[in-house]
Amino acid sequence: MRKLTRTHLVEEGLSCFADDAVLIVSELVTNAVQHSRGREVTLTLSLRNGCLRINVHDGVPSHRPTPWKPCDEDEHGRGLLLVQAIAGARRGSWGVSDDGASTWCELALAVS
């Protein structure tokens, strides 16, 4: 999914967003695979209202991932903090669907 994301953004002339988008996709898809226990995971990239929207759907209602501050020794737990930081730096946002089955991130396309 990382490779498809990069290819799609380069083809759309948005290569300057590719690194950030690929990292976000990697983190959101990894969470979806882990929490859905390998069920079908869907990635959707869309351009609308001046934003790149990344949506990952795992079909598992009620799981609502939240960022948390891991201890230095923890081997995982930093993904959503990275998503949150990138979204903030790109004048965007991220969130979880009401049913908890999708996680999304939007990045503003205008470069500040």
N, C-alpha and C. Protein backbone atom coordinates (compact mmCIF):
# COMPACT_ATOMS: atom_id res chain seq x y z
N MET A 1 0.81 -1.19 0.00
CA MET A 1 0.00 0.00 0.00
C MET A 1 0.86 1.26 0.00
N ARG A 2 2.04 1.15 0.61
CA ARG A 2 2.96 2.30 0.58
C ARG A 2 3.38 2.62 -0.85
N LYS A 3 3.74 1.58 -1.58
CA LYS A 3 4.20 1.78 -2.96
C LYS A 3 3.07 2.34 -3.83
N LEU A 4 1.87 1.81 -3.68
CA LEU A 4 0.73 2.32 -4.44
C LEU A 4 0.45 3.79 -4.10
N THR A 5 0.56 4.14 -2.84
CA THR A 5 0.33 5.52 -2.42
C THR A 5 1.34 6.44 -3.07
N ARG A 6 2.62 6.08 -3.01
CA ARG A 6 3.66 6.92 -3.61
C ARG A 6 3.43 7.07 -5.11
N THR A 7 3.17 5.96 -5.78
CA THR A 7 2.96 5.99 -7.23
C THR A 7 1.78 6.90 -7.58
N HIS A 8 0.69 6.75 -6.87
CA HIS A 8 -0.51 7.55 -7.14
C HIS A 8 -0.22 9.05 -6.95
N LEU A 9 0.45 9.40 -5.88
CA LEU A 9 0.71 10.82 -5.62
C LEU A 9 1.68 11.41 -6.65
N VAL A 10 2.67 10.66 -7.04
CA VAL A 10 3.61 11.13 -8.07
C VAL A 10 2.86 11.35 -9.38
N GLU A 11 1.99 10.40 -9.74
CA GLU A 11 1.21 10.53 -10.97
C GLU A 11 0.27 11.73 -10.93
N GLU A 12 -0.19 12.11 -9.75
CA GLU A 12 -1.09 13.26 -9.59
C GLU A 12 -0.33 14.58 -9.44
N GLY A 13 1.00 14.52 -9.53
CA GLY A 13 1.81 15.72 -9.38
C GLY A 13 1.95 16.18 -7.94
N LEU A 14 1.78 15.26 -7.00
CA LEU A 14 1.84 15.59 -5.58
C LEU A 14 3.01 14.89 -4.89
N SER A 15 4.11 14.78 -5.59
CA SER A 15 5.26 14.06 -5.02
C SER A 15 5.78 14.72 -3.74
N CYS A 16 5.54 16.03 -3.57
CA CYS A 16 6.01 16.70 -2.36
C CYS A 16 5.26 16.22 -1.11
N PHE A 17 4.15 15.52 -1.28
CA PHE A 17 3.39 14.97 -0.16
C PHE A 17 3.64 13.48 0.03
N ALA A 18 4.38 12.88 -0.88
CA ALA A 18 4.50 11.43 -0.89
C ALA A 18 5.13 10.86 0.38
N ASP A 19 6.22 11.42 0.85
CA ASP A 19 6.88 10.86 2.04
C ASP A 19 5.95 10.87 3.25
N ASP A 20 5.30 12.02 3.48
CA ASP A 20 4.38 12.11 4.63
C ASP A 20 3.21 11.17 4.46
N ALA A 21 2.63 11.12 3.27
CA ALA A 21 1.47 10.26 3.03
C ALA A 21 1.84 8.79 3.18
N VAL A 22 2.99 8.40 2.69
CA VAL A 22 3.42 7.01 2.80
C VAL A 22 3.60 6.61 4.27
N LEU A 23 4.16 7.49 5.08
CA LEU A 23 4.32 7.20 6.50
C LEU A 23 2.95 7.07 7.17
N ILE A 24 2.03 7.96 6.85
CA ILE A 24 0.68 7.89 7.42
C ILE A 24 0.00 6.59 7.01
N VAL A 25 0.06 6.26 5.73
CA VAL A 25 -0.53 5.01 5.25
C VAL A 25 0.07 3.82 5.99
N SER A 26 1.36 3.81 6.13
CA SER A 26 2.03 2.70 6.82
C SER A 26 1.51 2.55 8.24
N GLU A 27 1.41 3.65 8.96
CA GLU A 27 0.96 3.58 10.35
C GLU A 27 -0.51 3.18 10.45
N LEU A 28 -1.38 3.78 9.64
CA LEU A 28 -2.81 3.48 9.73
C LEU A 28 -3.12 2.06 9.27
N VAL A 29 -2.47 1.62 8.20
CA VAL A 29 -2.70 0.26 7.72
C VAL A 29 -2.17 -0.76 8.73
N THR A 30 -1.02 -0.51 9.30
CA THR A 30 -0.47 -1.42 10.30
C THR A 30 -1.43 -1.56 11.48
N ASN A 31 -1.95 -0.43 11.97
CA ASN A 31 -2.93 -0.50 13.06
C ASN A 31 -4.15 -1.31 12.65
N ALA A 32 -4.64 -1.06 11.45
CA ALA A 32 -5.84 -1.77 10.97
C ALA A 32 -5.61 -3.27 10.89
N VAL A 33 -4.47 -3.67 10.37
CA VAL A 33 -4.15 -5.10 10.25
C VAL A 33 -4.03 -5.73 11.64
N GLN A 34 -3.36 -5.05 12.54
CA GLN A 34 -3.19 -5.60 13.89
C GLN A 34 -4.52 -5.73 14.62
N HIS A 35 -5.35 -4.71 14.53
CA HIS A 35 -6.59 -4.71 15.31
C HIS A 35 -7.73 -5.48 14.65
N SER A 36 -7.63 -5.71 13.35
CA SER A 36 -8.68 -6.48 12.68
C SER A 36 -8.31 -7.95 12.60
N ARG A 37 -7.11 -8.26 13.05
CA ARG A 37 -6.59 -9.64 13.01
C ARG A 37 -6.57 -10.20 11.59
N GLY A 38 -6.16 -9.34 10.66
CA GLY A 38 -5.95 -9.79 9.30
C GLY A 38 -7.15 -9.80 8.41
N ARG A 39 -8.27 -9.27 8.88
CA ARG A 39 -9.44 -9.18 7.99
C ARG A 39 -9.12 -8.21 6.87
N GLU A 40 -10.04 -8.07 5.96
CA GLU A 40 -9.85 -7.17 4.82
C GLU A 40 -9.67 -5.73 5.30
N VAL A 41 -8.64 -5.08 4.78
CA VAL A 41 -8.36 -3.69 5.08
C VAL A 41 -8.41 -2.92 3.76
N THR A 42 -9.11 -1.79 3.76
CA THR A 42 -9.27 -0.99 2.55
C THR A 42 -8.61 0.37 2.74
N LEU A 43 -7.82 0.76 1.76
CA LEU A 43 -7.18 2.08 1.74
C LEU A 43 -7.82 2.90 0.62
N THR A 44 -8.22 4.13 0.95
CA THR A 44 -8.77 5.04 -0.04
C THR A 44 -8.01 6.35 0.04
N LEU A 45 -7.53 6.83 -1.10
CA LEU A 45 -6.91 8.15 -1.21
C LEU A 45 -7.84 9.00 -2.05
N SER A 46 -8.13 10.20 -1.59
CA SER A 46 -8.98 11.09 -2.38
C SER A 46 -8.50 12.53 -2.24
N LEU A 47 -8.76 13.28 -3.28
CA LEU A 47 -8.43 14.70 -3.30
C LEU A 47 -9.74 15.47 -3.32
N ARG A 48 -9.96 16.30 -2.30
CA ARG A 48 -11.18 17.09 -2.26
C ARG A 48 -11.01 18.29 -1.33
N ASN A 49 -11.66 19.35 -1.70
CA ASN A 49 -11.65 20.58 -0.90
C ASN A 49 -10.24 21.02 -0.50
N GLY A 50 -9.29 20.88 -1.41
CA GLY A 50 -7.93 21.31 -1.15
C GLY A 50 -7.16 20.43 -0.19
N CYS A 51 -7.62 19.20 -0.01
CA CYS A 51 -6.96 18.27 0.92
C CYS A 51 -6.76 16.91 0.27
N LEU A 52 -5.70 16.26 0.71
CA LEU A 52 -5.50 14.85 0.42
C LEU A 52 -6.08 14.11 1.61
N ARG A 53 -7.04 13.23 1.35
CA ARG A 53 -7.65 12.45 2.43
C ARG A 53 -7.21 11.00 2.29
N ILE A 54 -6.71 10.46 3.38
CA ILE A 54 -6.29 9.08 3.47
C ILE A 54 -7.26 8.40 4.42
N ASN A 55 -7.92 7.36 3.95
CA ASN A 55 -8.89 6.65 4.78
C ASN A 55 -8.55 5.16 4.80
N VAL A 56 -8.47 4.59 5.98
CA VAL A 56 -8.19 3.16 6.13
C VAL A 56 -9.36 2.56 6.90
N HIS A 57 -9.98 1.56 6.29
CA HIS A 57 -11.15 0.92 6.87
C HIS A 57 -10.81 -0.54 7.15
N ASP A 58 -11.05 -0.98 8.41
CA ASP A 58 -10.75 -2.37 8.73
C ASP A 58 -11.99 -3.19 9.06
N GLY A 59 -13.16 -2.57 9.07
CA GLY A 59 -14.40 -3.31 9.28
C GLY A 59 -14.63 -3.80 10.69
N VAL A 60 -13.84 -3.32 11.65
CA VAL A 60 -14.02 -3.73 13.03
C VAL A 60 -14.62 -2.57 13.82
N PRO A 61 -15.93 -2.58 14.01
CA PRO A 61 -16.56 -1.49 14.76
C PRO A 61 -16.10 -1.46 16.21
N SER A 62 -16.16 -0.29 16.77
CA SER A 62 -15.92 0.00 18.18
C SER A 62 -14.45 0.10 18.58
N HIS A 63 -13.53 -0.27 17.72
CA HIS A 63 -12.13 -0.03 18.06
C HIS A 63 -11.81 1.42 17.72
N ARG A 64 -11.49 2.22 18.72
CA ARG A 64 -11.21 3.64 18.50
C ARG A 64 -9.77 3.92 18.93
N PRO A 65 -8.84 3.85 17.98
CA PRO A 65 -7.44 4.09 18.35
C PRO A 65 -7.23 5.53 18.81
N THR A 66 -6.40 5.68 19.80
CA THR A 66 -6.04 7.01 20.30
C THR A 66 -4.54 7.06 20.50
N PRO A 67 -3.94 8.22 20.26
CA PRO A 67 -2.50 8.33 20.51
C PRO A 67 -2.22 8.29 22.01
N TRP A 68 -1.14 7.67 22.37
CA TRP A 68 -0.73 7.64 23.76
C TRP A 68 0.78 7.75 23.80
N LYS A 69 1.30 8.24 24.88
CA LYS A 69 2.74 8.43 24.99
C LYS A 69 3.38 7.17 25.54
N PRO A 70 4.11 6.45 24.69
CA PRO A 70 4.75 5.22 25.15
C PRO A 70 5.99 5.53 25.99
N CYS A 71 6.39 4.57 26.77
CA CYS A 71 7.64 4.67 27.52
C CYS A 71 8.80 4.49 26.54
N ASP A 72 9.97 4.93 26.93
CA ASP A 72 11.16 4.80 26.08
C ASP A 72 11.42 3.34 25.70
N GLU A 73 11.10 2.41 26.58
CA GLU A 73 11.38 0.99 26.34
C GLU A 73 10.35 0.34 25.42
N ASP A 74 9.20 0.96 25.23
CA ASP A 74 8.15 0.36 24.41
C ASP A 74 8.61 0.22 22.96
N GLU A 75 8.27 -0.92 22.36
CA GLU A 75 8.66 -1.19 20.98
C GLU A 75 7.62 -0.72 19.97
N HIS A 76 6.48 -0.28 20.43
CA HIS A 76 5.43 0.21 19.53
C HIS A 76 4.63 1.29 20.27
N GLY A 77 3.67 1.87 19.58
CA GLY A 77 2.81 2.85 20.23
C GLY A 77 3.05 4.29 19.80
N ARG A 78 3.91 4.49 18.82
CA ARG A 78 4.22 5.86 18.39
C ARG A 78 3.54 6.26 17.08
N GLY A 79 2.88 5.32 16.42
CA GLY A 79 2.31 5.55 15.10
C GLY A 79 1.31 6.68 15.03
N LEU A 80 0.33 6.67 15.93
CA LEU A 80 -0.68 7.72 15.88
C LEU A 80 -0.11 9.07 16.31
N LEU A 81 0.92 9.06 17.14
CA LEU A 81 1.60 10.33 17.46
C LEU A 81 2.26 10.90 16.21
N LEU A 82 2.84 10.03 15.39
CA LEU A 82 3.43 10.47 14.12
C LEU A 82 2.36 11.01 13.17
N VAL A 83 1.26 10.30 13.07
CA VAL A 83 0.15 10.74 12.20
C VAL A 83 -0.33 12.11 12.67
N GLN A 84 -0.53 12.26 13.96
CA GLN A 84 -1.00 13.52 14.52
C GLN A 84 -0.01 14.65 14.24
N ALA A 85 1.28 14.40 14.38
CA ALA A 85 2.30 15.42 14.15
C ALA A 85 2.36 15.82 12.68
N ILE A 86 2.31 14.85 11.79
CA ILE A 86 2.36 15.16 10.36
C ILE A 86 1.11 15.94 9.95
N ALA A 87 -0.04 15.50 10.42
CA ALA A 87 -1.28 16.22 10.09
C ALA A 87 -1.20 17.66 10.56
N GLY A 88 -0.71 17.88 11.75
CA GLY A 88 -0.57 19.24 12.27
C GLY A 88 0.40 20.08 11.46
N ALA A 89 1.51 19.47 11.08
CA ALA A 89 2.51 20.19 10.29
C ALA A 89 2.01 20.52 8.89
N ARG A 90 1.10 19.71 8.37
CA ARG A 90 0.54 19.90 7.02
C ARG A 90 -0.82 20.59 7.07
N ARG A 91 -1.11 21.26 8.17
CA ARG A 91 -2.38 21.98 8.36
C ARG A 91 -3.58 21.08 8.10
N GLY A 92 -3.50 19.89 8.64
CA GLY A 92 -4.57 18.92 8.46
C GLY A 92 -5.10 18.41 9.78
N SER A 93 -5.74 17.27 9.72
CA SER A 93 -6.30 16.66 10.92
C SER A 93 -6.41 15.16 10.70
N TRP A 94 -6.75 14.46 11.74
CA TRP A 94 -6.97 13.03 11.64
C TRP A 94 -8.08 12.66 12.61
N GLY A 95 -8.64 11.48 12.41
CA GLY A 95 -9.69 11.05 13.31
C GLY A 95 -10.13 9.63 13.04
N VAL A 96 -11.18 9.26 13.74
CA VAL A 96 -11.72 7.91 13.66
C VAL A 96 -13.22 8.04 13.38
N SER A 97 -13.74 7.18 12.53
CA SER A 97 -15.18 7.21 12.24
C SER A 97 -15.97 6.93 13.51
N ASP A 98 -17.23 7.34 13.49
CA ASP A 98 -18.09 7.15 14.66
C ASP A 98 -18.17 5.69 15.11
N ASP A 99 -18.15 4.76 14.15
CA ASP A 99 -18.24 3.35 14.53
C ASP A 99 -16.87 2.73 14.83
N GLY A 100 -15.81 3.50 14.63
CA GLY A 100 -14.47 3.01 14.95
C GLY A 100 -13.86 2.10 13.91
N ALA A 101 -14.54 1.89 12.78
CA ALA A 101 -14.05 0.95 11.77
C ALA A 101 -13.12 1.60 10.75
N SER A 102 -13.01 2.92 10.77
CA SER A 102 -12.14 3.64 9.82
C SER A 102 -11.33 4.69 10.56
N THR A 103 -10.11 4.84 10.13
CA THR A 103 -9.26 5.92 10.61
C THR A 103 -8.85 6.73 9.39
N TRP A 104 -8.85 8.04 9.53
CA TRP A 104 -8.57 8.90 8.39
C TRP A 104 -7.59 10.02 8.78
N CYS A 105 -6.99 10.58 7.76
CA CYS A 105 -6.10 11.73 7.95
C CYS A 105 -6.25 12.62 6.72
N GLU A 106 -6.31 13.91 6.94
CA GLU A 106 -6.36 14.88 5.85
C GLU A 106 -5.15 15.79 5.94
N LEU A 107 -4.56 16.06 4.78
CA LEU A 107 -3.42 16.97 4.69
C LEU A 107 -3.79 18.08 3.71
N ALA A 108 -3.60 19.33 4.13
CA ALA A 108 -3.88 20.45 3.24
C ALA A 108 -2.90 20.41 2.09
N LEU A 109 -3.40 20.62 0.86
CA LEU A 109 -2.55 20.57 -0.32
C LEU A 109 -1.76 21.85 -0.55
N ALA A 110 -2.25 22.97 -0.02
CA ALA A 110 -1.51 24.22 -0.18
C ALA A 110 -0.29 24.18 0.72
N VAL A 111 0.84 24.50 0.12
CA VAL A 111 2.09 24.50 0.88
C VAL A 111 2.24 25.87 1.51
N SER A 112 2.44 25.91 2.82
CA SER A 112 2.57 27.20 3.50
C SER A 112 4.00 27.64 3.59
